[in-house]
Amino acid sequence: MTDFLTWLRSLGLDRYAQVFADNDVDLAALRLLSDRELQELGVSLGHRKKLMKAVADLADNPTGTEGNNSPESRVQSQKDRPGSSVKRARANFYRSDPRL
């Protein structure tokens, strides 16, 4: 859970750490949650989109950089790659919201 909390902090979303802990949501479970389920947990629209993009970015680089496999290092490595995951993030954005 420490890596997960670190990862949430790196996204500026550590305010949801307690909600996720109370609902047994770790990184593996987060990957399975829908936009609607995140909304039911009280995650705002902007933060849901941010989380979903970050999860998609993790899927693009499951091994991280230089053998460091923590979620934080994987997020950082994605930030260092300009233009990475843009198409996938857009696809996830539109697929996740039934109004679009």
N, C-alpha and C. Protein backbone atom coordinates (compact mmCIF):
# COMPACT_ATOMS: atom_id res chain seq x y z
N MET A 1 0.82 -1.20 0.00
CA MET A 1 0.00 0.00 0.00
C MET A 1 0.86 1.26 0.00
N THR A 2 2.09 1.16 0.49
CA THR A 2 2.98 2.32 0.53
C THR A 2 3.29 2.82 -0.87
N ASP A 3 3.60 1.90 -1.79
CA ASP A 3 3.86 2.30 -3.17
C ASP A 3 2.63 2.94 -3.79
N PHE A 4 1.47 2.41 -3.46
CA PHE A 4 0.21 2.96 -3.98
C PHE A 4 0.00 4.37 -3.45
N LEU A 5 0.25 4.58 -2.17
CA LEU A 5 0.11 5.91 -1.59
C LEU A 5 1.12 6.88 -2.21
N THR A 6 2.33 6.42 -2.41
CA THR A 6 3.35 7.25 -3.05
C THR A 6 2.91 7.63 -4.45
N TRP A 7 2.35 6.66 -5.16
CA TRP A 7 1.87 6.90 -6.52
C TRP A 7 0.73 7.92 -6.51
N LEU A 8 -0.22 7.78 -5.57
CA LEU A 8 -1.30 8.75 -5.46
C LEU A 8 -0.76 10.15 -5.17
N ARG A 9 0.23 10.22 -4.28
CA ARG A 9 0.85 11.51 -3.97
C ARG A 9 1.49 12.13 -5.20
N SER A 10 2.15 11.31 -6.00
CA SER A 10 2.82 11.83 -7.20
C SER A 10 1.81 12.42 -8.18
N LEU A 11 0.57 11.96 -8.10
CA LEU A 11 -0.51 12.49 -8.95
C LEU A 11 -1.25 13.65 -8.28
N GLY A 12 -0.92 13.91 -7.02
CA GLY A 12 -1.63 14.94 -6.27
C GLY A 12 -3.02 14.48 -5.83
N LEU A 13 -3.21 13.15 -5.71
CA LEU A 13 -4.52 12.60 -5.39
C LEU A 13 -4.51 11.80 -4.09
N ASP A 14 -3.57 12.08 -3.21
CA ASP A 14 -3.48 11.32 -1.96
C ASP A 14 -4.67 11.57 -1.04
N ARG A 15 -5.49 12.56 -1.34
CA ARG A 15 -6.70 12.82 -0.54
C ARG A 15 -7.66 11.63 -0.59
N TYR A 16 -7.51 10.77 -1.63
CA TYR A 16 -8.39 9.61 -1.76
C TYR A 16 -7.81 8.35 -1.13
N ALA A 17 -6.65 8.43 -0.53
CA ALA A 17 -5.99 7.26 0.04
C ALA A 17 -6.87 6.57 1.07
N GLN A 18 -7.49 7.32 1.95
CA GLN A 18 -8.33 6.71 2.99
C GLN A 18 -9.57 6.06 2.40
N VAL A 19 -10.18 6.72 1.41
CA VAL A 19 -11.36 6.15 0.75
C VAL A 19 -10.99 4.83 0.08
N PHE A 20 -9.85 4.80 -0.60
CA PHE A 20 -9.41 3.57 -1.25
C PHE A 20 -9.10 2.50 -0.21
N ALA A 21 -8.44 2.87 0.87
CA ALA A 21 -8.12 1.90 1.92
C ALA A 21 -9.39 1.33 2.55
N ASP A 22 -10.36 2.20 2.80
CA ASP A 22 -11.62 1.76 3.41
C ASP A 22 -12.38 0.79 2.52
N ASN A 23 -12.14 0.87 1.21
CA ASN A 23 -12.84 0.02 0.25
C ASN A 23 -11.94 -1.05 -0.35
N ASP A 24 -10.78 -1.28 0.27
CA ASP A 24 -9.84 -2.32 -0.16
C ASP A 24 -9.40 -2.15 -1.61
N VAL A 25 -9.22 -0.90 -2.02
CA VAL A 25 -8.78 -0.61 -3.38
C VAL A 25 -7.27 -0.38 -3.36
N ASP A 26 -6.55 -1.27 -4.02
CA ASP A 26 -5.12 -1.07 -4.24
C ASP A 26 -4.93 -0.83 -5.74
N LEU A 27 -3.69 -0.81 -6.18
CA LEU A 27 -3.44 -0.51 -7.59
C LEU A 27 -4.08 -1.56 -8.51
N ALA A 28 -4.01 -2.82 -8.11
CA ALA A 28 -4.62 -3.88 -8.94
C ALA A 28 -6.13 -3.69 -9.04
N ALA A 29 -6.77 -3.35 -7.92
CA ALA A 29 -8.22 -3.14 -7.93
C ALA A 29 -8.56 -1.86 -8.69
N LEU A 30 -7.73 -0.83 -8.55
CA LEU A 30 -7.99 0.43 -9.24
C LEU A 30 -8.05 0.24 -10.75
N ARG A 31 -7.21 -0.63 -11.27
CA ARG A 31 -7.21 -0.92 -12.71
C ARG A 31 -8.55 -1.48 -13.18
N LEU A 32 -9.30 -2.09 -12.27
CA LEU A 32 -10.56 -2.73 -12.62
C LEU A 32 -11.78 -1.83 -12.43
N LEU A 33 -11.60 -0.71 -11.75
CA LEU A 33 -12.73 0.17 -11.45
C LEU A 33 -13.15 0.98 -12.68
N SER A 34 -14.44 1.14 -12.82
CA SER A 34 -14.98 1.96 -13.91
C SER A 34 -15.09 3.41 -13.44
N ASP A 35 -15.35 4.28 -14.38
CA ASP A 35 -15.56 5.68 -14.07
C ASP A 35 -16.71 5.83 -13.07
N ARG A 36 -17.77 5.08 -13.29
CA ARG A 36 -18.94 5.15 -12.41
C ARG A 36 -18.60 4.69 -10.99
N GLU A 37 -17.81 3.64 -10.87
CA GLU A 37 -17.43 3.15 -9.54
C GLU A 37 -16.55 4.17 -8.81
N LEU A 38 -15.65 4.81 -9.54
CA LEU A 38 -14.83 5.85 -8.92
C LEU A 38 -15.71 7.00 -8.45
N GLN A 39 -16.72 7.34 -9.25
CA GLN A 39 -17.66 8.39 -8.88
C GLN A 39 -18.40 8.02 -7.59
N GLU A 40 -18.81 6.75 -7.50
CA GLU A 40 -19.51 6.29 -6.30
C GLU A 40 -18.62 6.37 -5.06
N LEU A 41 -17.31 6.27 -5.26
CA LEU A 41 -16.38 6.41 -4.14
C LEU A 41 -16.13 7.87 -3.77
N GLY A 42 -16.68 8.79 -4.56
CA GLY A 42 -16.54 10.21 -4.26
C GLY A 42 -15.40 10.90 -4.97
N VAL A 43 -14.85 10.27 -6.01
CA VAL A 43 -13.75 10.87 -6.76
C VAL A 43 -14.36 11.82 -7.79
N SER A 44 -13.89 13.06 -7.82
CA SER A 44 -14.43 14.07 -8.73
C SER A 44 -14.12 13.72 -10.18
N LEU A 45 -14.85 14.33 -11.10
CA LEU A 45 -14.69 14.04 -12.53
C LEU A 45 -13.26 14.24 -13.01
N GLY A 46 -12.69 15.38 -12.70
CA GLY A 46 -11.31 15.65 -13.13
C GLY A 46 -10.32 14.66 -12.56
N HIS A 47 -10.50 14.32 -11.30
CA HIS A 47 -9.60 13.36 -10.67
C HIS A 47 -9.81 11.95 -11.22
N ARG A 48 -11.05 11.61 -11.57
CA ARG A 48 -11.29 10.30 -12.20
C ARG A 48 -10.55 10.20 -13.51
N LYS A 49 -10.61 11.24 -14.30
CA LYS A 49 -9.92 11.24 -15.60
C LYS A 49 -8.41 11.15 -15.40
N LYS A 50 -7.91 11.87 -14.41
CA LYS A 50 -6.49 11.84 -14.10
C LYS A 50 -6.04 10.44 -13.69
N LEU A 51 -6.83 9.80 -12.83
CA LEU A 51 -6.52 8.44 -12.38
C LEU A 51 -6.56 7.46 -13.54
N MET A 52 -7.57 7.57 -14.38
CA MET A 52 -7.70 6.63 -15.49
C MET A 52 -6.55 6.79 -16.49
N LYS A 53 -6.12 8.01 -16.70
CA LYS A 53 -4.98 8.23 -17.60
C LYS A 53 -3.71 7.65 -16.98
N ALA A 54 -3.52 7.87 -15.70
CA ALA A 54 -2.33 7.36 -15.03
C ALA A 54 -2.30 5.83 -15.04
N VAL A 55 -3.45 5.21 -14.86
CA VAL A 55 -3.53 3.75 -14.92
C VAL A 55 -3.20 3.27 -16.34
N ALA A 56 -3.71 3.97 -17.34
CA ALA A 56 -3.39 3.61 -18.73
C ALA A 56 -1.90 3.77 -19.00
N ASP A 57 -1.31 4.81 -18.44
CA ASP A 57 0.13 5.02 -18.60
C ASP A 57 0.93 3.88 -17.96
N LEU A 58 0.47 3.40 -16.82
CA LEU A 58 1.14 2.27 -16.17
C LEU A 58 1.06 1.03 -17.04
N ALA A 59 -0.05 0.84 -17.70
CA ALA A 59 -0.22 -0.33 -18.58
C ALA A 59 0.74 -0.26 -19.77
N ASP A 60 1.08 0.95 -20.20
CA ASP A 60 2.02 1.13 -21.31
C ASP A 60 3.44 0.75 -20.93
N ASN A 61 3.77 0.84 -19.64
CA ASN A 61 5.13 0.60 -19.20
C ASN A 61 5.12 -0.23 -17.92
N PRO A 62 4.74 -1.51 -18.00
CA PRO A 62 4.57 -2.30 -16.79
C PRO A 62 5.85 -2.59 -16.02
N THR A 63 7.03 -2.48 -16.64
CA THR A 63 8.26 -2.81 -15.93
C THR A 63 8.97 -1.59 -15.37
N GLY A 64 8.52 -0.41 -15.68
CA GLY A 64 9.17 0.79 -15.15
C GLY A 64 10.50 1.06 -15.83
N THR A 65 11.32 1.86 -15.19
CA THR A 65 12.62 2.21 -15.76
C THR A 65 13.72 1.70 -14.86
N GLU A 66 14.80 1.25 -15.45
CA GLU A 66 16.00 0.82 -14.74
C GLU A 66 15.68 -0.19 -13.61
N GLY A 67 14.74 -1.08 -13.86
CA GLY A 67 14.44 -2.11 -12.89
C GLY A 67 13.60 -1.66 -11.71
N ASN A 68 13.30 -0.38 -11.60
CA ASN A 68 12.46 0.10 -10.52
C ASN A 68 11.02 -0.09 -10.94
N ASN A 69 10.30 -0.93 -10.23
CA ASN A 69 8.95 -1.30 -10.63
C ASN A 69 7.88 -0.64 -9.78
N SER A 70 8.20 0.42 -9.06
CA SER A 70 7.20 1.07 -8.23
C SER A 70 6.27 1.91 -9.11
N PRO A 71 5.02 2.09 -8.69
CA PRO A 71 4.10 2.91 -9.48
C PRO A 71 4.63 4.31 -9.71
N GLU A 72 5.29 4.88 -8.69
CA GLU A 72 5.80 6.25 -8.84
C GLU A 72 6.83 6.33 -9.96
N SER A 73 7.75 5.36 -10.01
CA SER A 73 8.77 5.41 -11.06
C SER A 73 8.16 5.22 -12.42
N ARG A 74 7.10 4.40 -12.51
CA ARG A 74 6.44 4.20 -13.80
C ARG A 74 5.74 5.47 -14.24
N VAL A 75 5.10 6.17 -13.32
CA VAL A 75 4.45 7.43 -13.66
C VAL A 75 5.49 8.44 -14.10
N GLN A 76 6.60 8.54 -13.37
CA GLN A 76 7.64 9.49 -13.72
C GLN A 76 8.22 9.17 -15.09
N SER A 77 8.43 7.90 -15.39
CA SER A 77 8.99 7.56 -16.69
C SER A 77 8.05 7.96 -17.81
N GLN A 78 6.74 7.91 -17.57
CA GLN A 78 5.78 8.32 -18.58
C GLN A 78 5.84 9.84 -18.77
N LYS A 79 6.06 10.58 -17.69
CA LYS A 79 6.16 12.03 -17.80
C LYS A 79 7.37 12.43 -18.64
N ASP A 80 8.42 11.61 -18.59
CA ASP A 80 9.64 11.91 -19.33
C ASP A 80 9.53 11.62 -20.82
N ARG A 81 8.49 10.88 -21.22
CA ARG A 81 8.33 10.54 -22.62
C ARG A 81 7.28 11.43 -23.24
N PRO A 82 7.68 12.41 -24.03
CA PRO A 82 6.69 13.33 -24.62
C PRO A 82 5.76 12.58 -25.56
N GLY A 83 4.46 12.87 -25.44
CA GLY A 83 3.47 12.32 -26.34
C GLY A 83 3.09 10.87 -26.08
N SER A 84 3.57 10.28 -24.99
CA SER A 84 3.25 8.88 -24.74
C SER A 84 1.80 8.72 -24.33
N SER A 85 1.19 7.70 -24.80
CA SER A 85 -0.16 7.27 -24.39
C SER A 85 -1.27 8.25 -24.73
N VAL A 86 -1.02 9.20 -25.57
CA VAL A 86 -2.04 10.21 -25.85
C VAL A 86 -3.27 9.56 -26.48
N LYS A 87 -3.06 8.71 -27.49
CA LYS A 87 -4.20 8.07 -28.14
C LYS A 87 -4.96 7.18 -27.18
N ARG A 88 -4.24 6.40 -26.38
CA ARG A 88 -4.90 5.50 -25.43
C ARG A 88 -5.65 6.30 -24.38
N ALA A 89 -5.07 7.38 -23.88
CA ALA A 89 -5.73 8.19 -22.87
C ALA A 89 -7.01 8.81 -23.44
N ARG A 90 -6.94 9.29 -24.68
CA ARG A 90 -8.14 9.85 -25.31
C ARG A 90 -9.21 8.78 -25.47
N ALA A 91 -8.81 7.61 -25.92
CA ALA A 91 -9.76 6.51 -26.10
C ALA A 91 -10.41 6.14 -24.78
N ASN A 92 -9.61 6.04 -23.72
CA ASN A 92 -10.15 5.72 -22.40
C ASN A 92 -11.07 6.82 -21.90
N PHE A 93 -10.72 8.05 -22.17
CA PHE A 93 -11.53 9.18 -21.73
C PHE A 93 -12.92 9.09 -22.33
N TYR A 94 -12.99 8.90 -23.63
CA TYR A 94 -14.28 8.88 -24.30
C TYR A 94 -15.05 7.59 -24.03
N ARG A 95 -14.34 6.49 -23.88
CA ARG A 95 -15.01 5.22 -23.60
C ARG A 95 -15.58 5.20 -22.19
N SER A 96 -14.96 5.88 -21.25
CA SER A 96 -15.36 5.79 -19.86
C SER A 96 -16.57 6.65 -19.51
N ASP A 97 -16.89 7.63 -20.32
CA ASP A 97 -18.01 8.51 -20.02
C ASP A 97 -19.15 8.22 -20.99
N PRO A 98 -20.25 7.64 -20.52
CA PRO A 98 -21.34 7.26 -21.42
C PRO A 98 -22.03 8.44 -22.09
N ARG A 99 -21.83 9.64 -21.57
CA ARG A 99 -22.46 10.82 -22.19
C ARG A 99 -21.75 11.25 -23.45
N LEU A 100 -20.51 10.79 -23.68
CA LEU A 100 -19.73 11.25 -24.82
C LEU A 100 -19.83 10.29 -25.98
